[in-house]
């Protein structure tokens, strides 16, 4: 065997045990997830104890603990110290942290990924607004109108304005009755909020902020999907100005 081949073989050899260990740990995590499904455990239900998992899976206690910590990071289980381990809510928080980190890295480069994150959020809201105009009822419209009134009172006033802006969008898409979709939209909001502190400020007048959101509301109230999508696009123009400045 020539020197390059011997070197490559040596490198592969040094990585194989680590690869096998990682694969074994992933296998334990998968078996724990399957156990949750097989036993039909719901969010908040107690998980089997560490001792039970050791016996059931036939692995070491350390391996079980490592797997549970990894699953906790994903929101699949919740470890309550002193009380036990429970089935988690499977929240999208880890996804938020990942997108925030990618966005922060992007701001130190060409900001391409930051634009991609924004494109994804805009595509999601544009698609949802079409469904919303077809299905929103008068009660939901009244609640969105109330959130618009709050925004008109607080727009441009720092944290109060941000909270009112977020509440307006939350209320709109809550009307669709899709909790997972609402969670995903909140992820994108959290990402932008966390990154906004590192973006240059762009002046937006109270009147401009209110006008953009009023346009969205009036288009939805009129059941005009095309107009609503155009209003959403104008809303994102302000965010793009901050990214591009």
Protein backbone atom coordinates (compact mmCIF):
# COMPACT_ATOMS: atom_id res chain seq x y z
CA UNK A 1 0.00 0.00 0.00
CA UNK A 2 1.42 3.41 -0.98
CA UNK A 3 1.77 6.25 1.55
CA UNK A 4 -1.40 8.21 0.56
CA UNK A 5 -3.49 5.03 0.74
CA UNK A 6 -1.99 4.12 4.13
CA UNK A 7 -2.71 7.65 5.40
CA UNK A 8 -6.32 7.53 4.19
CA UNK A 9 -6.83 4.13 5.77
CA UNK A 10 -5.37 5.36 9.03
CA UNK A 11 -7.69 8.38 9.03
CA UNK A 12 -10.71 6.20 8.34
CA UNK A 13 -9.67 3.88 11.10
CA UNK A 14 -9.46 6.68 13.63
CA UNK A 15 -12.98 7.85 12.78
CA UNK A 16 -14.76 4.52 12.67
CA UNK A 17 -15.11 3.99 16.45
CA UNK A 18 -16.54 7.50 16.87
CA UNK A 19 -18.92 6.89 13.99
CA UNK A 20 -20.05 3.60 15.49
CA UNK A 21 -20.55 5.26 18.88
CA UNK A 22 -22.60 8.07 17.33
CA UNK A 23 -24.72 5.61 15.36
CA UNK A 24 -25.30 3.50 18.47
CA UNK A 25 -26.40 6.57 20.44
CA UNK A 26 -28.75 7.63 17.64
CA UNK A 27 -30.16 4.11 17.66
CA UNK A 28 -30.93 4.36 21.40
CA UNK A 29 -32.66 7.71 20.85
CA UNK A 30 -34.79 6.18 18.09
CA UNK A 31 -35.76 3.25 20.31
CA UNK A 32 -36.85 5.64 23.08
CA UNK A 33 -38.97 7.57 20.57
CA UNK A 34 -40.52 4.33 19.34
CA UNK A 35 -41.27 3.36 22.94
CA UNK A 36 -43.17 6.66 23.42
CA UNK A 37 -45.20 5.92 20.31
CA UNK A 38 -45.83 2.27 21.14
CA UNK A 39 -47.10 3.12 24.63
CA UNK A 40 -49.14 6.05 23.26
CA UNK A 41 -47.62 8.44 25.78
CA UNK A 42 -48.93 12.00 25.49
CA UNK A 43 -47.25 15.31 26.28
CA UNK A 44 -46.74 15.55 30.04
CA UNK A 45 -46.99 11.79 30.64
CA UNK A 46 -44.19 10.30 32.78
CA UNK A 47 -41.51 8.40 30.94
CA UNK A 48 -40.21 5.02 32.14
CA UNK A 49 -37.48 5.44 34.74
CA UNK A 50 -33.80 5.22 33.81
CA UNK A 51 -33.67 1.74 35.37
CA UNK A 52 -36.65 0.60 33.29
CA UNK A 53 -35.10 1.99 30.11
CA UNK A 54 -31.82 0.24 30.87
CA UNK A 55 -33.65 -3.09 31.26
CA UNK A 56 -35.96 -2.55 28.28
CA UNK A 57 -33.27 -1.38 25.87
CA UNK A 58 -30.43 -3.52 27.19
CA UNK A 59 -27.96 -0.63 27.32
CA UNK A 60 -25.96 1.11 30.03
CA UNK A 61 -27.34 3.80 32.32
CA UNK A 62 -24.86 6.33 30.88
CA UNK A 63 -26.11 5.59 27.37
CA UNK A 64 -29.71 6.13 28.49
CA UNK A 65 -28.82 9.41 30.17
CA UNK A 66 -26.97 10.65 27.10
CA UNK A 67 -29.93 9.74 24.88
CA UNK A 68 -32.43 11.48 27.17
CA UNK A 69 -30.32 14.65 27.22
CA UNK A 70 -30.22 14.66 23.42
CA UNK A 71 -33.98 14.14 23.24
CA UNK A 72 -34.51 16.91 25.78
CA UNK A 73 -32.58 19.30 23.51
CA UNK A 74 -35.11 18.46 20.79
CA UNK A 75 -38.08 18.99 23.11
CA UNK A 76 -39.12 15.34 22.81
CA UNK A 77 -38.65 14.69 26.53
CA UNK A 78 -38.51 17.01 29.52
CA UNK A 79 -36.19 16.20 32.42
CA UNK A 80 -37.48 17.62 35.70
CA UNK A 81 -34.67 17.20 38.19
CA UNK A 82 -35.90 15.60 41.37
CA UNK A 83 -39.18 14.54 39.76
CA UNK A 84 -38.39 12.41 36.73
CA UNK A 85 -38.60 12.53 32.95
CA UNK A 86 -41.76 13.33 31.02
CA UNK A 87 -42.85 13.41 27.40
CA UNK A 88 -42.05 16.89 26.08
CA UNK A 89 -44.07 19.30 23.99
CA UNK A 90 -41.85 18.84 20.91
CA UNK A 91 -41.62 22.62 20.60
CA UNK A 92 -39.88 24.33 17.72
CA UNK A 93 -37.49 26.20 20.03
CA UNK A 94 -34.39 24.28 18.82
CA UNK A 95 -35.30 25.31 15.26
CA UNK A 96 -35.43 28.94 16.42
CA UNK A 97 -31.96 28.73 17.95
CA UNK A 98 -30.55 27.19 14.77
CA UNK A 99 -32.06 29.84 12.50
CA UNK A 100 -30.90 32.67 14.78
CA UNK A 101 -27.34 31.34 14.71
CA UNK A 102 -27.42 30.94 10.92
CA UNK A 103 -28.79 34.46 10.60
CA UNK A 104 -26.05 35.89 12.83
CA UNK A 105 -23.40 34.12 10.75
CA UNK A 106 -25.02 35.44 7.59
CA UNK A 107 -24.85 39.03 8.86
CA UNK A 108 -21.08 38.67 9.05
CA UNK A 109 -20.98 37.59 5.42
CA UNK A 110 -23.09 38.32 2.34
CA UNK A 111 -26.42 38.03 4.25
CA UNK A 112 -27.68 35.51 1.69
CA UNK A 113 -29.03 33.14 4.34
CA UNK A 114 -30.72 36.03 6.10
CA UNK A 115 -32.56 36.81 2.87
CA UNK A 116 -33.46 33.13 2.50
CA UNK A 117 -34.97 33.05 6.00
CA UNK A 118 -37.03 36.13 5.16
CA UNK A 119 -38.06 34.64 1.78
CA UNK A 120 -39.30 31.53 3.58
CA UNK A 121 -41.35 33.53 6.07
CA UNK A 122 -42.84 35.71 3.34
CA UNK A 123 -43.74 32.69 1.19
CA UNK A 124 -45.43 31.09 4.20
CA UNK A 125 -47.47 34.18 5.08
CA UNK A 126 -48.39 34.86 1.45
CA UNK A 127 -49.77 31.35 1.08
CA UNK A 128 -51.62 31.48 4.38
CA UNK A 129 -53.20 34.86 3.69
CA UNK A 130 -54.93 33.33 0.66
CA UNK A 131 -56.48 30.65 2.85
CA UNK A 132 -57.34 33.19 5.52
CA UNK A 133 -59.45 35.42 3.27
CA UNK A 134 -61.50 32.37 2.29
CA UNK A 135 -62.17 31.11 5.81
CA UNK A 136 -62.02 33.91 8.40
CA UNK A 137 -65.31 34.54 10.22
CA UNK A 138 -66.73 37.77 11.61
CA UNK A 139 -65.72 36.96 15.18
CA UNK A 140 -62.10 36.42 14.18
CA UNK A 141 -62.16 39.59 12.10
CA UNK A 142 -63.34 41.54 15.14
CA UNK A 143 -60.45 40.18 17.21
CA UNK A 144 -57.94 41.10 14.48
CA UNK A 145 -59.51 44.57 14.33
CA UNK A 146 -58.95 44.92 18.09
CA UNK A 147 -55.27 43.99 17.64
CA UNK A 148 -55.03 46.58 14.86
CA UNK A 149 -56.41 49.20 17.25
CA UNK A 150 -53.66 48.25 19.73
CA UNK A 151 -51.06 48.58 17.00
CA UNK A 152 -52.38 52.00 16.00
CA UNK A 153 -51.94 53.08 19.63
CA UNK A 154 -48.40 51.72 20.06
CA UNK A 155 -46.75 51.54 16.61
CA UNK A 156 -43.18 52.79 16.63
CA UNK A 157 -42.96 52.76 20.42
CA UNK A 158 -40.19 50.21 20.88
CA UNK A 159 -41.11 47.02 22.75
CA UNK A 160 -44.78 48.01 23.05
CA UNK A 161 -44.98 48.53 19.29
CA UNK A 162 -43.20 45.24 18.58
CA UNK A 163 -45.59 43.37 20.89
CA UNK A 164 -48.63 44.95 19.23
CA UNK A 165 -47.26 44.10 15.76
CA UNK A 166 -46.69 40.49 16.78
CA UNK A 167 -50.15 40.22 18.38
CA UNK A 168 -51.77 41.45 15.15
CA UNK A 169 -50.11 38.74 13.04
CA UNK A 170 -50.70 36.05 15.68
CA UNK A 171 -54.40 36.87 15.85
CA UNK A 172 -54.78 36.76 12.08
CA UNK A 173 -53.32 33.32 11.58
CA UNK A 174 -54.86 31.88 14.74
CA UNK A 175 -58.12 32.11 12.81
CA UNK A 176 -56.88 29.24 10.60
CA UNK A 177 -56.94 26.88 13.59
CA UNK A 178 -53.55 25.34 12.73
CA UNK A 179 -51.47 25.42 15.93
CA UNK A 180 -48.35 23.97 14.30
CA UNK A 181 -48.47 26.67 11.63
CA UNK A 182 -48.89 29.33 14.31
CA UNK A 183 -45.85 27.94 16.14
CA UNK A 184 -43.78 28.05 12.96
CA UNK A 185 -44.77 31.67 12.33
CA UNK A 186 -43.77 32.52 15.90
CA UNK A 187 -40.39 30.90 15.22
CA UNK A 188 -39.79 33.29 12.33
CA UNK A 189 -40.94 36.21 14.44
CA UNK A 190 -38.56 35.21 17.25
CA UNK A 191 -35.70 34.86 14.77
CA UNK A 192 -36.26 38.34 13.37
CA UNK A 193 -36.70 39.84 16.83
CA UNK A 194 -33.47 38.24 18.09
CA UNK A 195 -31.55 39.38 15.02
CA UNK A 196 -33.06 42.87 14.85
CA UNK A 197 -30.69 44.10 17.56
CA UNK A 198 -27.80 43.51 15.15
CA UNK A 199 -29.49 45.12 12.15
CA UNK A 200 -29.19 48.83 11.38
CA UNK A 201 -32.23 50.85 12.35
CA UNK A 202 -34.48 52.04 9.53
CA UNK A 203 -36.86 54.86 10.28
CA UNK A 204 -40.52 53.93 9.87
CA UNK A 205 -43.11 56.47 10.81
CA UNK A 206 -46.10 55.64 12.97
CA UNK A 207 -48.32 56.40 9.99
CA UNK A 208 -46.40 54.07 7.67
CA UNK A 209 -46.52 51.13 10.11
CA UNK A 210 -50.24 51.61 10.70
CA UNK A 211 -50.99 52.02 6.99
CA UNK A 212 -49.26 48.77 6.04
CA UNK A 213 -51.14 46.77 8.66
CA UNK A 214 -54.46 48.49 7.94
CA UNK A 215 -54.03 47.56 4.27
CA UNK A 216 -53.59 43.91 5.27
CA UNK A 217 -56.65 43.97 7.51
CA UNK A 218 -58.90 45.72 4.99
CA UNK A 219 -57.89 43.29 2.22
CA UNK A 220 -58.65 40.31 4.48
CA UNK A 221 -61.96 41.85 5.56
CA UNK A 222 -62.85 42.37 1.90
CA UNK A 223 -61.97 38.73 1.16
CA UNK A 224 -59.53 39.94 -1.50
CA UNK A 225 -56.65 37.46 -1.64
CA UNK A 226 -54.64 39.27 -4.31
CA UNK A 227 -54.80 42.58 -2.47
CA UNK A 228 -53.93 40.88 0.81
CA UNK A 229 -50.85 39.22 -0.72
CA UNK A 230 -49.72 42.58 -2.12
CA UNK A 231 -50.14 44.17 1.32
CA UNK A 232 -48.06 41.38 2.90
CA UNK A 233 -45.33 42.01 0.31
CA UNK A 234 -45.25 45.72 1.21
CA UNK A 235 -44.99 44.77 4.87
CA UNK A 236 -41.87 42.71 4.13
CA UNK A 237 -40.34 45.52 2.08
CA UNK A 238 -39.59 47.37 5.32
CA UNK A 239 -37.80 44.35 6.76
CA UNK A 240 -35.77 43.94 3.58
CA UNK A 241 -34.65 47.55 3.77
CA UNK A 242 -33.13 46.83 7.18
CA UNK A 243 -31.32 43.75 5.91
CA UNK A 244 -30.00 45.50 2.79
CA UNK A 245 -28.92 48.72 4.52
